[in-house]
PDB file of N, CA and C in Angstrom:
ATOM      1  N   MET A   1      -5.725 -22.767   4.869  1.00  0.00           N
ATOM      2  CA  MET A   1      -4.527 -21.938   5.646  1.00  0.00           C
ATOM      3  C   MET A   1      -5.591 -20.594   6.328  1.00  0.00           C
ATOM      4  N   SER A   2      -4.986 -20.628   7.785  1.00  0.00           N
ATOM      5  CA  SER A   2      -5.973 -19.336   8.509  1.00  0.00           C
ATOM      6  C   SER A   2      -4.523 -18.772   9.025  1.00  0.00           C
ATOM      7  N   TRP A   3      -5.036 -17.174   8.703  1.00  0.00           N
ATOM      8  CA  TRP A   3      -4.175 -16.277   8.870  1.00  0.00           C
ATOM      9  C   TRP A   3      -5.073 -14.985   9.465  1.00  0.00           C
ATOM     10  N   LYS A   4      -3.907 -14.436  10.367  1.00  0.00           N
ATOM     11  CA  LYS A   4      -4.541 -13.037  11.270  1.00  0.00           C
ATOM     12  C   LYS A   4      -3.862 -11.820  10.355  1.00  0.00           C
ATOM     13  N   VAL A   5      -4.967 -10.862  10.467  1.00  0.00           N
ATOM     14  CA  VAL A   5      -4.341  -9.463   9.872  1.00  0.00           C
ATOM     15  C   VAL A   5      -4.992  -8.551  10.697  1.00  0.00           C
ATOM     16  N   LEU A   6      -4.035  -7.799  11.350  1.00  0.00           N
ATOM     17  CA  LEU A   6      -4.250  -6.419  12.301  1.00  0.00           C
ATOM     18  C   LEU A   6      -4.609  -5.268  11.419  1.00  0.00           C
ATOM     19  N   ILE A   7      -5.716  -4.642  11.712  1.00  0.00           N
ATOM     20  CA  ILE A   7      -5.904  -3.255  11.196  1.00  0.00           C
ATOM     21  C   ILE A   7      -5.525  -2.384  12.345  1.00  0.00           C
ATOM     22  N   THR A   8      -4.669  -1.504  12.240  1.00  0.00           N
ATOM     23  CA  THR A   8      -4.423  -0.676  13.272  1.00  0.00           C
ATOM     24  C   THR A   8      -4.899   0.498  13.448  1.00  0.00           C
ATOM     25  N   ASP A   9      -5.744   0.977  12.394  1.00  0.00           N
ATOM     26  CA  ASP A   9      -6.521   2.266  12.795  1.00  0.00           C
ATOM     27  C   ASP A   9      -7.257   2.577  11.130  1.00  0.00           C
ATOM     28  N   HIS A  10      -8.257   3.219  11.527  1.00  0.00           N
ATOM     29  CA  HIS A  10      -9.108   3.802  10.160  1.00  0.00           C
ATOM     30  C   HIS A  10      -9.688   5.071  10.705  1.00  0.00           C
ATOM     31  N   VAL A  11     -10.120   5.896   9.477  1.00  0.00           N
ATOM     32  CA  VAL A  11     -10.627   7.315   9.527  1.00  0.00           C
ATOM     33  C   VAL A  11     -11.884   7.456   9.101  1.00  0.00           C
ATOM     34  N   TRP A  12     -12.570   6.154   8.810  1.00  0.00           N
ATOM     35  CA  TRP A  12     -13.823   6.245   8.128  1.00  0.00           C
ATOM     36  C   TRP A  12     -14.622   5.495   9.309  1.00  0.00           C
ATOM     37  N   PRO A  13     -16.151   5.391   8.961  1.00  0.00           N
ATOM     38  CA  PRO A  13     -16.975   4.871  10.360  1.00  0.00           C
ATOM     39  C   PRO A  13     -16.643   3.604  10.535  1.00  0.00           C
ATOM     40  N   ASN A  14     -16.064   2.438   9.709  1.00  0.00           N
ATOM     41  CA  ASN A  14     -16.084   1.410  10.095  1.00  0.00           C
ATOM     42  C   ASN A  14     -15.134   0.361   8.790  1.00  0.00           C
ATOM     43  N   THR A  15     -14.784  -0.633   9.440  1.00  0.00           N
ATOM     44  CA  THR A  15     -13.824  -1.434   8.423  1.00  0.00           C
ATOM     45  C   THR A  15     -14.679  -2.730   7.664  1.00  0.00           C
ATOM     46  N   ASP A  16     -15.888  -2.475   7.580  1.00  0.00           N
ATOM     47  CA  ASP A  16     -16.585  -3.577   6.857  1.00  0.00           C
ATOM     48  C   ASP A  16     -16.209  -4.071   5.726  1.00  0.00           C
ATOM     49  N   PRO A  17     -16.000  -3.022   4.713  1.00  0.00           N
ATOM     50  CA  PRO A  17     -15.438  -3.544   3.225  1.00  0.00           C
ATOM     51  C   PRO A  17     -13.995  -4.213   3.496  1.00  0.00           C
ATOM     52  N   GLU A  18     -13.142  -3.939   4.123  1.00  0.00           N
ATOM     53  CA  GLU A  18     -11.895  -4.438   4.483  1.00  0.00           C
ATOM     54  C   GLU A  18     -12.121  -5.941   5.070  1.00  0.00           C
ATOM     55  N   ARG A  19     -12.942  -6.109   6.185  1.00  0.00           N
ATOM     56  CA  ARG A  19     -13.237  -7.056   6.852  1.00  0.00           C
ATOM     57  C   ARG A  19     -13.885  -8.283   5.820  1.00  0.00           C
ATOM     58  N   ARG A  20     -14.877  -7.811   5.068  1.00  0.00           N
ATOM     59  CA  ARG A  20     -15.564  -8.597   4.188  1.00  0.00           C
ATOM     60  C   ARG A  20     -14.544  -9.434   3.025  1.00  0.00           C
ATOM     61  N   VAL A  21     -13.537  -8.847   2.821  1.00  0.00           N
ATOM     62  CA  VAL A  21     -12.589  -8.998   1.823  1.00  0.00           C
ATOM     63  C   VAL A  21     -11.807  -9.920   2.484  1.00  0.00           C
ATOM     64  N   LEU A  22     -11.288  -9.499   3.288  1.00  0.00           N
ATOM     65  CA  LEU A  22     -10.160 -10.277   4.357  1.00  0.00           C
ATOM     66  C   LEU A  22     -10.797 -11.644   4.768  1.00  0.00           C
ATOM     67  N   GLU A  23     -12.019 -11.698   5.334  1.00  0.00           N
ATOM     68  CA  GLU A  23     -12.430 -12.699   6.039  1.00  0.00           C
ATOM     69  C   GLU A  23     -13.126 -13.858   4.721  1.00  0.00           C
ATOM     70  N   ALA A  24     -13.342 -13.531   3.459  1.00  0.00           N
ATOM     71  CA  ALA A  24     -13.727 -14.221   2.647  1.00  0.00           C
ATOM     72  C   ALA A  24     -12.210 -15.109   1.751  1.00  0.00           C
ATOM     73  N   ALA A  25     -11.253 -14.309   2.360  1.00  0.00           N
ATOM     74  CA  ALA A  25     -10.003 -14.909   1.816  1.00  0.00           C
ATOM     75  C   ALA A  25      -9.492 -15.823   2.867  1.00  0.00           C
ATOM     76  N   GLY A  26     -10.296 -15.887   3.989  1.00  0.00           N
ATOM     77  CA  GLY A  26      -9.722 -16.906   4.978  1.00  0.00           C
ATOM     78  C   GLY A  26      -9.110 -16.220   6.119  1.00  0.00           C
ATOM     79  N   ALA A  27      -9.149 -14.891   6.436  1.00  0.00           N
ATOM     80  CA  ALA A  27      -8.525 -14.336   7.340  1.00  0.00           C
ATOM     81  C   ALA A  27      -9.250 -14.119   8.586  1.00  0.00           C
ATOM     82  N   GLU A  28      -8.793 -14.049   9.677  1.00  0.00           N
ATOM     83  CA  GLU A  28      -9.569 -13.699  10.909  1.00  0.00           C
ATOM     84  C   GLU A  28      -8.544 -12.235  10.931  1.00  0.00           C
ATOM     85  N   VAL A  29      -9.684 -11.280  11.288  1.00  0.00           N
ATOM     86  CA  VAL A  29      -8.989  -9.635  11.215  1.00  0.00           C
ATOM     87  C   VAL A  29      -9.123  -9.393  12.790  1.00  0.00           C
ATOM     88  N   LEU A  30      -8.169  -8.500  13.218  1.00  0.00           N
ATOM     89  CA  LEU A  30      -8.429  -7.779  14.457  1.00  0.00           C
ATOM     90  C   LEU A  30      -8.360  -6.299  14.172  1.00  0.00           C
ATOM     91  N   ILE A  31      -9.010  -5.660  14.990  1.00  0.00           N
ATOM     92  CA  ILE A  31      -9.270  -4.236  14.810  1.00  0.00           C
ATOM     93  C   ILE A  31      -8.454  -3.506  16.087  1.00  0.00           C
ATOM     94  N   SER A  32      -7.594  -2.586  15.922  1.00  0.00           N
ATOM     95  CA  SER A  32      -7.295  -2.128  17.025  1.00  0.00           C
ATOM     96  C   SER A  32      -8.129  -0.882  17.888  1.00  0.00           C
ATOM     97  N   PRO A  33      -8.564  -1.017  18.960  1.00  0.00           N
ATOM     98  CA  PRO A  33      -9.141   0.016  19.672  1.00  0.00           C
ATOM     99  C   PRO A  33      -8.440   1.228  19.628  1.00  0.00           C
ATOM    100  N   ASP A  34      -7.093   1.506  19.305  1.00  0.00           N
ATOM    101  CA  ASP A  34      -6.383   2.920  19.304  1.00  0.00           C
ATOM    102  C   ASP A  34      -5.172   2.344  18.486  1.00  0.00           C
ATOM    103  N   GLY A  35      -4.305   3.346  18.296  1.00  0.00           N
ATOM    104  CA  GLY A  35      -3.300   3.237  17.484  1.00  0.00           C
ATOM    105  C   GLY A  35      -2.006   3.522  18.441  1.00  0.00           C
ATOM    106  N   GLU A  36      -2.047   3.156  19.731  1.00  0.00           N
ATOM    107  CA  GLU A  36      -0.972   3.488  20.540  1.00  0.00           C
ATOM    108  C   GLU A  36      -0.080   2.423  20.442  1.00  0.00           C
ATOM    109  N   GLU A  37       1.140   2.677  20.543  1.00  0.00           N
ATOM    110  CA  GLU A  37       2.297   1.731  20.354  1.00  0.00           C
ATOM    111  C   GLU A  37       1.886   0.467  21.326  1.00  0.00           C
ATOM    112  N   SER A  38       1.740   0.790  22.698  1.00  0.00           N
ATOM    113  CA  SER A  38       1.495  -0.335  23.368  1.00  0.00           C
ATOM    114  C   SER A  38       0.506  -1.615  23.086  1.00  0.00           C
ATOM    115  N   THR A  39      -0.830  -0.872  22.594  1.00  0.00           N
ATOM    116  CA  THR A  39      -1.543  -1.876  22.170  1.00  0.00           C
ATOM    117  C   THR A  39      -1.300  -2.355  20.595  1.00  0.00           C
ATOM    118  N   LEU A  40      -0.623  -1.976  20.043  1.00  0.00           N
ATOM    119  CA  LEU A  40      -0.266  -2.521  18.706  1.00  0.00           C
ATOM    120  C   LEU A  40       0.856  -3.565  19.210  1.00  0.00           C
ATOM    121  N   ILE A  41       1.711  -3.276  19.846  1.00  0.00           N
ATOM    122  CA  ILE A  41       2.666  -4.543  20.410  1.00  0.00           C
ATOM    123  C   ILE A  41       2.032  -5.673  20.750  1.00  0.00           C
ATOM    124  N   GLU A  42       0.816  -5.508  21.638  1.00  0.00           N
ATOM    125  CA  GLU A  42       0.268  -6.631  22.282  1.00  0.00           C
ATOM    126  C   GLU A  42      -0.779  -7.158  21.106  1.00  0.00           C
ATOM    127  N   LEU A  43      -1.268  -6.598  20.125  1.00  0.00           N
ATOM    128  CA  LEU A  43      -2.180  -7.216  19.060  1.00  0.00           C
ATOM    129  C   LEU A  43      -1.192  -7.918  18.245  1.00  0.00           C
ATOM    130  N   SER A  44      -0.041  -7.445  17.983  1.00  0.00           N
ATOM    131  CA  SER A  44       0.787  -7.651  16.492  1.00  0.00           C
ATOM    132  C   SER A  44       1.632  -8.886  17.046  1.00  0.00           C
ATOM    133  N   LYS A  45       1.396  -9.609  18.135  1.00  0.00           N
ATOM    134  CA  LYS A  45       2.476 -10.697  18.428  1.00  0.00           C
ATOM    135  C   LYS A  45       1.964 -11.694  17.849  1.00  0.00           C
ATOM    136  N   ASP A  46       0.718 -12.248  17.225  1.00  0.00           N
ATOM    137  CA  ASP A  46       0.369 -13.307  16.622  1.00  0.00           C
ATOM    138  C   ASP A  46      -0.099 -13.079  15.038  1.00  0.00           C
ATOM    139  N   VAL A  47       0.082 -12.176  14.620  1.00  0.00           N
ATOM    140  CA  VAL A  47      -0.431 -11.637  13.095  1.00  0.00           C
ATOM    141  C   VAL A  47       0.429 -12.065  12.004  1.00  0.00           C
ATOM    142  N   ASP A  48      -0.122 -12.388  10.905  1.00  0.00           N
ATOM    143  CA  ASP A  48       0.687 -12.554   9.915  1.00  0.00           C
ATOM    144  C   ASP A  48       0.808 -11.164   9.064  1.00  0.00           C
ATOM    145  N   ALA A  49      -0.167 -10.332   9.085  1.00  0.00           N
ATOM    146  CA  ALA A  49      -0.168  -9.048   8.252  1.00  0.00           C
ATOM    147  C   ALA A  49      -0.473  -7.987   9.265  1.00  0.00           C
ATOM    148  N   ILE A  50      -0.043  -6.718   8.755  1.00  0.00           N
ATOM    149  CA  ILE A  50      -0.508  -5.306   9.366  1.00  0.00           C
ATOM    150  C   ILE A  50      -1.075  -4.491   8.509  1.00  0.00           C
ATOM    151  N   MET A  51      -2.196  -3.948   8.612  1.00  0.00           N
ATOM    152  CA  MET A  51      -2.552  -2.944   7.838  1.00  0.00           C
ATOM    153  C   MET A  51      -2.712  -1.672   8.541  1.00  0.00           C
ATOM    154  N   THR A  52      -1.970  -0.817   8.041  1.00  0.00           N
ATOM    155  CA  THR A  52      -1.950   0.652   8.685  1.00  0.00           C
ATOM    156  C   THR A  52      -2.591   1.751   7.796  1.00  0.00           C
ATOM    157  N   CYS A  53      -3.529   2.829   8.410  1.00  0.00           N
ATOM    158  CA  CYS A  53      -3.886   4.054   7.835  1.00  0.00           C
ATOM    159  C   CYS A  53      -2.843   5.300   8.002  1.00  0.00           C
ATOM    160  N   PHE A  54      -2.882   5.430   9.315  1.00  0.00           N
ATOM    161  CA  PHE A  54      -2.201   6.305   9.848  1.00  0.00           C
ATOM    162  C   PHE A  54      -1.099   5.868  10.853  1.00  0.00           C
ATOM    163  N   ALA A  55      -1.554   5.354  11.729  1.00  0.00           N
ATOM    164  CA  ALA A  55      -0.665   4.748  12.997  1.00  0.00           C
ATOM    165  C   ALA A  55       0.669   4.228  12.534  1.00  0.00           C
ATOM    166  N   GLN A  56       1.582   4.688  13.432  1.00  0.00           N
ATOM    167  CA  GLN A  56       2.978   4.414  13.313  1.00  0.00           C
ATOM    168  C   GLN A  56       3.239   3.047  13.723  1.00  0.00           C
ATOM    169  N   VAL A  57       3.622   2.288  12.897  1.00  0.00           N
ATOM    170  CA  VAL A  57       4.172   0.809  13.152  1.00  0.00           C
ATOM    171  C   VAL A  57       5.595   1.104  13.353  1.00  0.00           C
ATOM    172  N   THR A  58       5.847   1.060  14.338  1.00  0.00           N
ATOM    173  CA  THR A  58       7.428   1.482  14.975  1.00  0.00           C
ATOM    174  C   THR A  58       8.119   0.163  14.884  1.00  0.00           C
ATOM    175  N   GLU A  59       9.472   0.549  15.349  1.00  0.00           N
ATOM    176  CA  GLU A  59      10.431  -0.739  15.233  1.00  0.00           C
ATOM    177  C   GLU A  59      10.055  -1.765  16.453  1.00  0.00           C
ATOM    178  N   ASN A  60       9.515  -1.063  17.617  1.00  0.00           N
ATOM    179  CA  ASN A  60       9.040  -2.085  18.465  1.00  0.00           C
ATOM    180  C   ASN A  60       7.720  -2.878  18.262  1.00  0.00           C
ATOM    181  N   VAL A  61       6.943  -2.319  17.472  1.00  0.00           N
ATOM    182  CA  VAL A  61       5.733  -3.214  17.064  1.00  0.00           C
ATOM    183  C   VAL A  61       6.376  -4.247  16.144  1.00  0.00           C
ATOM    184  N   VAL A  62       7.166  -3.887  15.074  1.00  0.00           N
ATOM    185  CA  VAL A  62       7.655  -4.772  14.133  1.00  0.00           C
ATOM    186  C   VAL A  62       8.258  -5.949  14.745  1.00  0.00           C
ATOM    187  N   ARG A  63       9.315  -5.464  15.790  1.00  0.00           N
ATOM    188  CA  ARG A  63       9.835  -6.592  16.754  1.00  0.00           C
ATOM    189  C   ARG A  63       9.048  -7.500  17.166  1.00  0.00           C
ATOM    190  N   ALA A  64       7.906  -7.309  17.766  1.00  0.00           N
ATOM    191  CA  ALA A  64       7.189  -7.920  18.596  1.00  0.00           C
ATOM    192  C   ALA A  64       6.046  -8.753  17.601  1.00  0.00           C
ATOM    193  N   ALA A  65       5.886  -8.309  16.140  1.00  0.00           N
ATOM    194  CA  ALA A  65       5.313  -9.187  15.280  1.00  0.00           C
ATOM    195  C   ALA A  65       6.010 -10.162  14.642  1.00  0.00           C
ATOM    196  N   LYS A  66       6.495 -11.080  15.512  1.00  0.00           N
ATOM    197  CA  LYS A  66       7.416 -12.253  15.008  1.00  0.00           C
ATOM    198  C   LYS A  66       6.784 -12.958  13.770  1.00  0.00           C
ATOM    199  N   LYS A  67       5.801 -13.263  13.410  1.00  0.00           N
ATOM    200  CA  LYS A  67       4.891 -13.986  12.283  1.00  0.00           C
ATOM    201  C   LYS A  67       4.851 -13.334  11.067  1.00  0.00           C
ATOM    202  N   CYS A  68       4.877 -12.009  11.410  1.00  0.00           N
ATOM    203  CA  CYS A  68       4.373 -10.936  10.419  1.00  0.00           C
ATOM    204  C   CYS A  68       5.269 -10.901   9.226  1.00  0.00           C
ATOM    205  N   VAL A  69       4.541 -11.081   8.085  1.00  0.00           N
ATOM    206  CA  VAL A  69       5.362 -11.121   6.627  1.00  0.00           C
ATOM    207  C   VAL A  69       5.128  -9.928   5.823  1.00  0.00           C
ATOM    208  N   VAL A  70       3.980  -9.307   5.982  1.00  0.00           N
ATOM    209  CA  VAL A  70       3.877  -7.941   5.369  1.00  0.00           C
ATOM    210  C   VAL A  70       3.014  -6.849   5.996  1.00  0.00           C
ATOM    211  N   ILE A  71       3.669  -5.768   5.968  1.00  0.00           N
ATOM    212  CA  ILE A  71       3.129  -4.509   6.669  1.00  0.00           C
ATOM    213  C   ILE A  71       2.438  -3.650   5.525  1.00  0.00           C
ATOM    214  N   GLY A  72       1.430  -3.297   5.302  1.00  0.00           N
ATOM    215  CA  GLY A  72       1.143  -2.290   4.344  1.00  0.00           C
ATOM    216  C   GLY A  72       0.149  -1.267   4.732  1.00  0.00           C
ATOM    217  N   ARG A  73       0.209   0.038   3.972  1.00  0.00           N
ATOM    218  CA  ARG A  73      -0.571   1.206   4.261  1.00  0.00           C
ATOM    219  C   ARG A  73      -1.837   1.096   3.039  1.00  0.00           C
ATOM    220  N   PHE A  74      -3.008   1.397   3.795  1.00  0.00           N
ATOM    221  CA  PHE A  74      -4.031   1.343   2.969  1.00  0.00           C
ATOM    222  C   PHE A  74      -4.872   2.757   3.339  1.00  0.00           C
ATOM    223  N   GLY A  75      -5.698   3.067   2.180  1.00  0.00           N
ATOM    224  CA  GLY A  75      -6.332   4.152   2.098  1.00  0.00           C
ATOM    225  C   GLY A  75      -6.926   4.562   0.995  1.00  0.00           C
ATOM    226  N   VAL A  76      -7.071   6.050   0.748  1.00  0.00           N
ATOM    227  CA  VAL A  76      -7.632   6.096  -0.544  1.00  0.00           C
ATOM    228  C   VAL A  76      -7.012   7.620  -0.919  1.00  0.00           C
ATOM    229  N   GLY A  77      -6.941   7.572  -2.338  1.00  0.00           N
ATOM    230  CA  GLY A  77      -5.744   8.844  -2.712  1.00  0.00           C
ATOM    231  C   GLY A  77      -4.131   8.674  -3.130  1.00  0.00           C
TER     232      GLY A  77
END
């Protein structure tokens, strides 16, 4: 099974650790170039999961993410 995960934002230099784990599990990883609502709406249209650090996953983003089954916040602490 192939699935897509959107990473909305991150505060560290890259998302290599997250990408490695997700790709090893068979996911295609999309990284948003910014946390803007319009960008997230466009990128979320075909994802199965959304991972966010600080970006706001608004009602409009959730409505656009028709296939999404999980939204999670990730980070340290």
